[in-house]
Amino acid sequence: MIRKILVPVRGDGKGDNVLAHAAAVAHRHAAHIEVIHCRPRPQDLMPFGVAIPDFLRDQVIKHSYQVADQEEQGMRAEVEVLAQKLNLSLSEDQIGKCATVSFVEEAGRQVDVIKRHGRLADMIAVAKPDRDRNLGHNTLKAALFHSGRPVLMCPPSQQAPVSLSAKVTIAWNGSAESARALSQCKSVLRGADQVWVLSNGSNAGAGTSVEELIVYLGLHDIKASVETFSPSKKTGPELLRLSGELGADMMIMGAYGDSHERETVFGGNTQAIVDAATMPVLLNH
């Protein structure tokens, strides 16, 4: 079961959409959402390697506390408004009984906060990175590479999703990354009404076949059907196309079989999906 979803926010205007996606999953699993805001520490705002007068340092520290306090108050108020809009309970007594939400403020770098809190979450929800504005890449990378948990990448949308994880596709190529995604996302697959396995009909090296996967899923009481696409097609775009045609509301896949840096520079299936996805994708590394 999905019991805890972490939503890191940073005041970049993307938190509303991410919380809406997390709420759709939380309602399906009666899960608790922890919205965590990373409060900047004064020492992180100081210029590195540059000596500054004590009076200026004191001013920077005082101003940073004032700004952080104002931002925290605004975030808390926004979460309360969104909780009502998304039908999320703010009561601690309701945790585990219905979809709930709480707000946590913690000082430190966002990367470090995601590491610490993410490792005790069943899912981390983050915004799809914005390449044009150079936003969100570090958040996605920190969640994927340092938490060990599934990461729900939420694309921008005009309306909050009504349902999420009801109709799910899972990308399978028999690789270790695919196996890890399968292992970490069984709760999502069990809770889905319909599951499709996407395959290009070939395996990654000595990877297991899609037929063996269907048998394995059956042992876990997960009924799935296979959808194939041509091996000659580009894998990333084909996975998105096929998921869309099937009417899936979420795709699960293993992420970055090659290094993040290599895929960012030279391209790769994961990076293609991160750049082009218009549907929620649950990534695992």
Protein backbone atom coordinates (compact mmCIF):
# COMPACT_ATOMS: atom_id res chain seq x y z
CA MET A 1 0.00 0.00 0.00
CA ILE A 2 1.02 3.59 -0.61
CA ARG A 3 0.95 5.20 2.83
CA LYS A 4 3.23 8.24 2.57
CA ILE A 5 3.90 10.58 -0.34
CA LEU A 6 6.57 13.27 -0.07
CA VAL A 7 6.07 16.55 -1.93
CA PRO A 8 9.10 18.89 -1.73
CA VAL A 9 8.23 22.51 -2.58
CA ARG A 10 10.42 25.52 -3.20
CA GLY A 11 8.15 28.45 -4.07
CA ASP A 12 8.65 28.21 -7.84
CA GLY A 13 4.93 28.07 -8.66
CA LYS A 14 4.92 24.34 -9.48
CA GLY A 15 3.87 23.04 -6.07
CA ASP A 16 0.12 23.36 -6.67
CA ASN A 17 0.21 21.04 -9.66
CA VAL A 18 2.46 18.49 -7.94
CA LEU A 19 0.23 18.44 -4.85
CA ALA A 20 -2.82 17.87 -7.08
CA HIS A 21 -1.15 14.82 -8.63
CA ALA A 22 -0.12 13.53 -5.21
CA ALA A 23 -3.68 14.03 -3.95
CA ALA A 24 -5.09 11.90 -6.78
CA VAL A 25 -2.81 9.03 -5.71
CA ALA A 26 -3.49 9.64 -2.01
CA HIS A 27 -7.25 9.39 -2.46
CA ARG A 28 -6.87 6.02 -4.20
CA HIS A 29 -4.65 4.61 -1.44
CA ALA A 30 -5.84 6.58 1.63
CA ALA A 31 -2.29 7.89 1.88
CA HIS A 32 -0.72 10.74 3.81
CA ILE A 33 1.03 13.56 1.92
CA GLU A 34 3.92 15.35 3.59
CA VAL A 35 4.56 18.71 1.95
CA ILE A 36 8.05 19.79 2.91
CA HIS A 37 9.50 23.23 2.34
CA CYS A 38 13.26 23.68 2.50
CA ARG A 39 14.08 26.81 4.48
CA PRO A 40 17.35 28.43 3.33
CA ARG A 41 20.05 28.63 6.00
CA PRO A 42 21.82 31.98 6.36
CA GLN A 43 25.23 30.35 5.87
CA ASP A 44 24.11 29.02 2.49
CA LEU A 45 23.39 32.57 1.34
CA MET A 46 26.85 33.90 2.14
CA PRO A 47 29.28 34.34 -0.77
CA PHE A 48 31.74 31.47 -0.75
CA GLY A 49 35.39 32.39 -0.23
CA VAL A 50 34.67 36.12 0.14
CA ALA A 51 35.31 37.99 3.39
CA ILE A 52 32.47 40.34 4.34
CA PRO A 53 32.19 42.79 7.25
CA ASP A 54 30.38 41.64 10.38
CA PHE A 55 27.69 44.34 10.10
CA LEU A 56 26.87 43.20 6.55
CA ARG A 57 26.81 39.56 7.60
CA ASP A 58 24.37 40.44 10.40
CA GLN A 59 22.12 42.26 7.93
CA VAL A 60 22.10 39.30 5.55
CA ILE A 61 21.22 36.91 8.37
CA LYS A 62 18.43 39.14 9.70
CA HIS A 63 16.96 39.67 6.25
CA SER A 64 17.13 35.95 5.39
CA TYR A 65 15.18 35.06 8.54
CA GLN A 66 12.50 37.65 7.72
CA VAL A 67 12.15 36.40 4.15
CA ALA A 68 12.07 32.76 5.25
CA ASP A 69 9.40 33.47 7.88
CA GLN A 70 7.21 35.24 5.32
CA GLU A 71 7.67 32.45 2.80
CA GLU A 72 6.82 29.78 5.36
CA GLN A 73 3.62 31.59 6.40
CA GLY A 74 2.61 31.92 2.77
CA MET A 75 3.32 28.25 2.08
CA ARG A 76 1.35 27.06 5.09
CA ALA A 77 -1.63 29.18 4.10
CA GLU A 78 -1.44 27.92 0.52
CA VAL A 79 -1.38 24.29 1.64
CA GLU A 80 -4.46 24.86 3.80
CA VAL A 81 -6.35 26.36 0.87
CA LEU A 82 -5.27 23.56 -1.48
CA ALA A 83 -6.14 20.90 1.10
CA GLN A 84 -9.73 22.12 1.11
CA LYS A 85 -9.81 22.36 -2.69
CA LEU A 86 -8.38 18.85 -3.13
CA ASN A 87 -10.45 17.31 -0.33
CA LEU A 88 -7.42 16.46 1.81
CA SER A 89 -7.79 16.27 5.57
CA LEU A 90 -5.39 18.29 7.74
CA SER A 91 -6.31 16.29 10.86
CA GLU A 92 -3.64 13.99 12.27
CA ASP A 93 -6.43 11.77 13.62
CA GLN A 94 -7.47 10.94 10.04
CA ILE A 95 -4.05 9.68 8.90
CA GLY A 96 -4.43 6.17 7.54
CA LYS A 97 -8.20 6.52 7.25
CA CYS A 98 -8.40 8.86 4.26
CA ALA A 99 -6.23 11.12 2.12
CA THR A 100 -4.45 13.56 4.45
CA VAL A 101 -1.79 16.26 4.21
CA SER A 102 0.64 18.03 6.53
CA PHE A 103 3.19 20.81 6.11
CA VAL A 104 6.78 20.54 7.34
CA GLU A 105 9.42 23.27 7.33
CA GLU A 106 13.07 22.25 7.56
CA ALA A 107 16.23 24.31 7.23
CA GLY A 108 18.84 23.12 4.81
CA ARG A 109 19.58 22.49 1.16
CA GLN A 110 16.71 20.93 -0.73
CA VAL A 111 18.91 18.08 -1.93
CA ASP A 112 19.76 17.10 1.67
CA VAL A 113 16.18 17.44 2.89
CA ILE A 114 14.89 15.24 0.05
CA LYS A 115 17.49 12.61 0.89
CA ARG A 116 16.52 12.47 4.56
CA HIS A 117 12.75 12.57 4.25
CA GLY A 118 12.49 10.73 0.94
CA ARG A 119 14.00 7.52 2.22
CA LEU A 120 11.01 7.05 4.52
CA ALA A 121 8.37 7.76 1.89
CA ASP A 122 6.59 5.32 -0.42
CA MET A 123 6.67 7.82 -3.25
CA ILE A 124 8.18 11.25 -3.95
CA ALA A 125 6.22 13.59 -6.21
CA VAL A 126 8.14 16.28 -8.09
CA ALA A 127 7.47 18.61 -10.99
CA LYS A 128 8.61 17.71 -14.46
CA PRO A 129 11.86 19.63 -15.04
CA ASP A 130 11.52 22.81 -17.07
CA ARG A 131 14.43 22.79 -19.51
CA ASP A 132 13.67 26.29 -20.84
CA ARG A 133 13.76 27.87 -17.37
CA ASN A 134 16.39 25.43 -16.04
CA LEU A 135 14.17 24.48 -13.10
CA GLY A 136 13.58 21.17 -11.38
CA HIS A 137 16.49 19.10 -12.68
CA ASN A 138 18.32 19.00 -9.33
CA THR A 139 15.12 18.10 -7.46
CA LEU A 140 14.35 15.18 -9.76
CA LYS A 141 17.96 14.03 -9.70
CA ALA A 142 18.18 14.20 -5.89
CA ALA A 143 14.95 12.26 -5.47
CA LEU A 144 15.93 9.59 -7.99
CA PHE A 145 19.57 9.05 -7.10
CA HIS A 146 19.64 9.67 -3.34
CA SER A 147 16.35 8.43 -1.86
CA GLY A 148 16.04 4.89 -3.21
CA ARG A 149 12.31 5.47 -3.65
CA PRO A 150 9.95 5.74 -6.67
CA VAL A 151 9.65 9.28 -8.01
CA LEU A 152 6.43 10.52 -9.60
CA MET A 153 7.27 13.11 -12.25
CA CYS A 154 4.24 15.39 -12.66
CA PRO A 155 3.86 17.29 -15.96
CA PRO A 156 2.14 20.68 -15.99
CA SER A 157 -1.62 20.42 -16.43
CA GLN A 158 -4.49 22.87 -16.62
CA GLN A 159 -6.77 20.76 -14.43
CA ALA A 160 -6.05 18.59 -11.41
CA PRO A 161 -6.17 14.86 -12.29
CA VAL A 162 -9.37 13.25 -11.08
CA SER A 163 -7.84 9.78 -10.89
CA LEU A 164 -4.25 8.59 -10.94
CA SER A 165 -2.76 5.06 -10.91
CA ALA A 166 -6.05 3.44 -11.96
CA LYS A 167 -4.80 2.51 -15.44
CA VAL A 168 -1.07 1.84 -15.46
CA THR A 169 1.54 0.86 -18.01
CA ILE A 170 4.94 -0.52 -17.07
CA ALA A 171 7.90 -0.38 -19.44
CA TRP A 172 9.74 -3.71 -19.51
CA ASN A 173 12.99 -4.66 -21.20
CA GLY A 174 14.18 -7.31 -18.76
CA SER A 175 16.88 -5.06 -17.30
CA ALA A 176 17.86 -4.58 -13.66
CA GLU A 177 16.29 -1.09 -13.78
CA SER A 178 12.99 -2.59 -14.95
CA ALA A 179 13.13 -5.21 -12.19
CA ARG A 180 13.77 -2.53 -9.59
CA ALA A 181 10.80 -0.49 -10.85
CA LEU A 182 8.63 -3.60 -10.66
CA SER A 183 9.74 -4.36 -7.11
CA GLN A 184 9.23 -0.85 -5.79
CA CYS A 185 5.87 -0.27 -7.48
CA LYS A 186 3.95 -3.45 -6.68
CA SER A 187 1.61 -1.45 -4.44
CA VAL A 188 0.67 0.79 -7.36
CA LEU A 189 0.19 -2.21 -9.67
CA ARG A 190 -1.96 -4.06 -7.11
CA GLY A 191 -4.16 -1.03 -6.65
CA ALA A 192 -4.67 -0.44 -10.37
CA ASP A 193 -7.81 -1.44 -12.24
CA GLN A 194 -5.87 -2.22 -15.39
CA VAL A 195 -2.19 -2.94 -16.07
CA TRP A 196 -0.37 -3.17 -19.40
CA VAL A 197 3.21 -4.31 -19.91
CA LEU A 198 4.94 -2.43 -22.73
CA SER A 199 7.66 -4.29 -24.62
CA ASN A 200 9.49 -4.03 -27.93
CA GLY A 201 9.74 -7.82 -28.05
CA SER A 202 13.42 -8.00 -27.20
CA ASN A 203 15.35 -8.30 -23.96
CA ALA A 204 18.21 -6.27 -22.51
CA GLY A 205 21.09 -8.73 -22.63
CA ALA A 206 20.31 -11.64 -20.35
CA GLY A 207 17.13 -10.01 -19.09
CA THR A 208 13.95 -11.96 -18.46
CA SER A 209 11.18 -12.13 -21.05
CA VAL A 210 7.84 -10.39 -20.94
CA GLU A 211 6.09 -13.78 -20.81
CA GLU A 212 7.96 -14.64 -17.62
CA LEU A 213 6.97 -11.27 -16.20
CA ILE A 214 3.26 -11.94 -16.79
CA VAL A 215 3.57 -15.24 -14.90
CA TYR A 216 5.42 -13.50 -12.06
CA LEU A 217 2.77 -10.76 -11.81
CA GLY A 218 0.09 -13.45 -11.64
CA LEU A 219 1.79 -14.91 -8.58
CA HIS A 220 1.23 -11.53 -6.94
CA ASP A 221 -2.42 -11.41 -8.01
CA ILE A 222 -1.70 -8.71 -10.59
CA LYS A 223 -3.45 -9.31 -13.90
CA ALA A 224 -1.68 -7.68 -16.83
CA SER A 225 -1.74 -7.79 -20.62
CA VAL A 226 1.14 -7.24 -23.05
CA GLU A 227 1.36 -4.46 -25.62
CA THR A 228 4.27 -4.51 -28.05
CA PHE A 229 5.82 -1.97 -30.38
CA SER A 230 8.41 -2.25 -33.11
CA PRO A 231 12.07 -2.52 -31.98
CA SER A 232 12.95 -0.23 -34.88
CA LYS A 233 11.10 2.67 -33.26
CA LYS A 234 12.65 5.03 -30.73
CA THR A 235 11.80 3.52 -27.37
CA GLY A 236 11.06 6.64 -25.32
CA PRO A 237 8.53 8.24 -27.71
CA GLU A 238 6.93 4.83 -28.39
CA LEU A 239 6.37 4.18 -24.68
CA LEU A 240 4.62 7.54 -24.31
CA ARG A 241 2.59 7.09 -27.50
CA LEU A 242 1.40 3.61 -26.59
CA SER A 243 0.56 4.62 -23.01
CA GLY A 244 -1.52 7.49 -24.35
CA GLU A 245 -3.36 5.30 -26.86
CA LEU A 246 -4.21 2.77 -24.16
CA GLY A 247 -5.67 5.51 -21.96
CA ALA A 248 -3.19 4.97 -19.14
CA ASP A 249 -3.03 7.66 -16.47
CA MET A 250 0.47 6.68 -15.27
CA MET A 251 3.53 4.95 -16.69
CA ILE A 252 6.09 3.08 -14.56
CA MET A 253 9.66 2.64 -15.75
CA GLY A 254 13.22 2.08 -14.62
CA ALA A 255 15.30 5.22 -15.03
CA TYR A 256 18.82 6.00 -16.22
CA GLY A 257 20.36 2.64 -17.03
CA ASP A 258 23.15 4.84 -18.35
CA SER A 259 24.37 7.65 -16.13
CA HIS A 260 22.28 10.80 -15.78
CA GLU A 261 25.12 12.89 -17.19
CA ARG A 262 25.58 10.64 -20.24
CA GLU A 263 21.87 10.65 -21.07
CA THR A 264 21.62 14.41 -20.57
CA VAL A 265 24.44 15.04 -23.03
CA PHE A 266 24.03 12.23 -25.55
CA GLY A 267 20.35 11.42 -25.12
CA GLY A 268 18.68 8.23 -23.91
CA ASN A 269 15.27 6.66 -23.31
CA THR A 270 14.85 8.11 -19.83
CA GLN A 271 15.95 11.60 -20.82
CA ALA A 272 13.64 11.51 -23.85
CA ILE A 273 10.70 10.75 -21.56
CA VAL A 274 11.71 13.35 -18.97
CA ASP A 275 11.83 15.95 -21.74
CA ALA A 276 8.68 14.94 -23.64
CA ALA A 277 6.23 13.36 -21.17
CA THR A 278 2.77 14.90 -20.96
CA MET A 279 1.53 12.20 -18.56
CA PRO A 280 2.67 11.31 -15.02
CA VAL A 281 5.63 8.91 -15.02
CA LEU A 282 6.75 6.92 -11.98
CA LEU A 283 10.54 6.65 -12.28
CA ASN A 284 12.80 4.27 -10.39
CA HIS A 285 16.58 4.10 -10.20
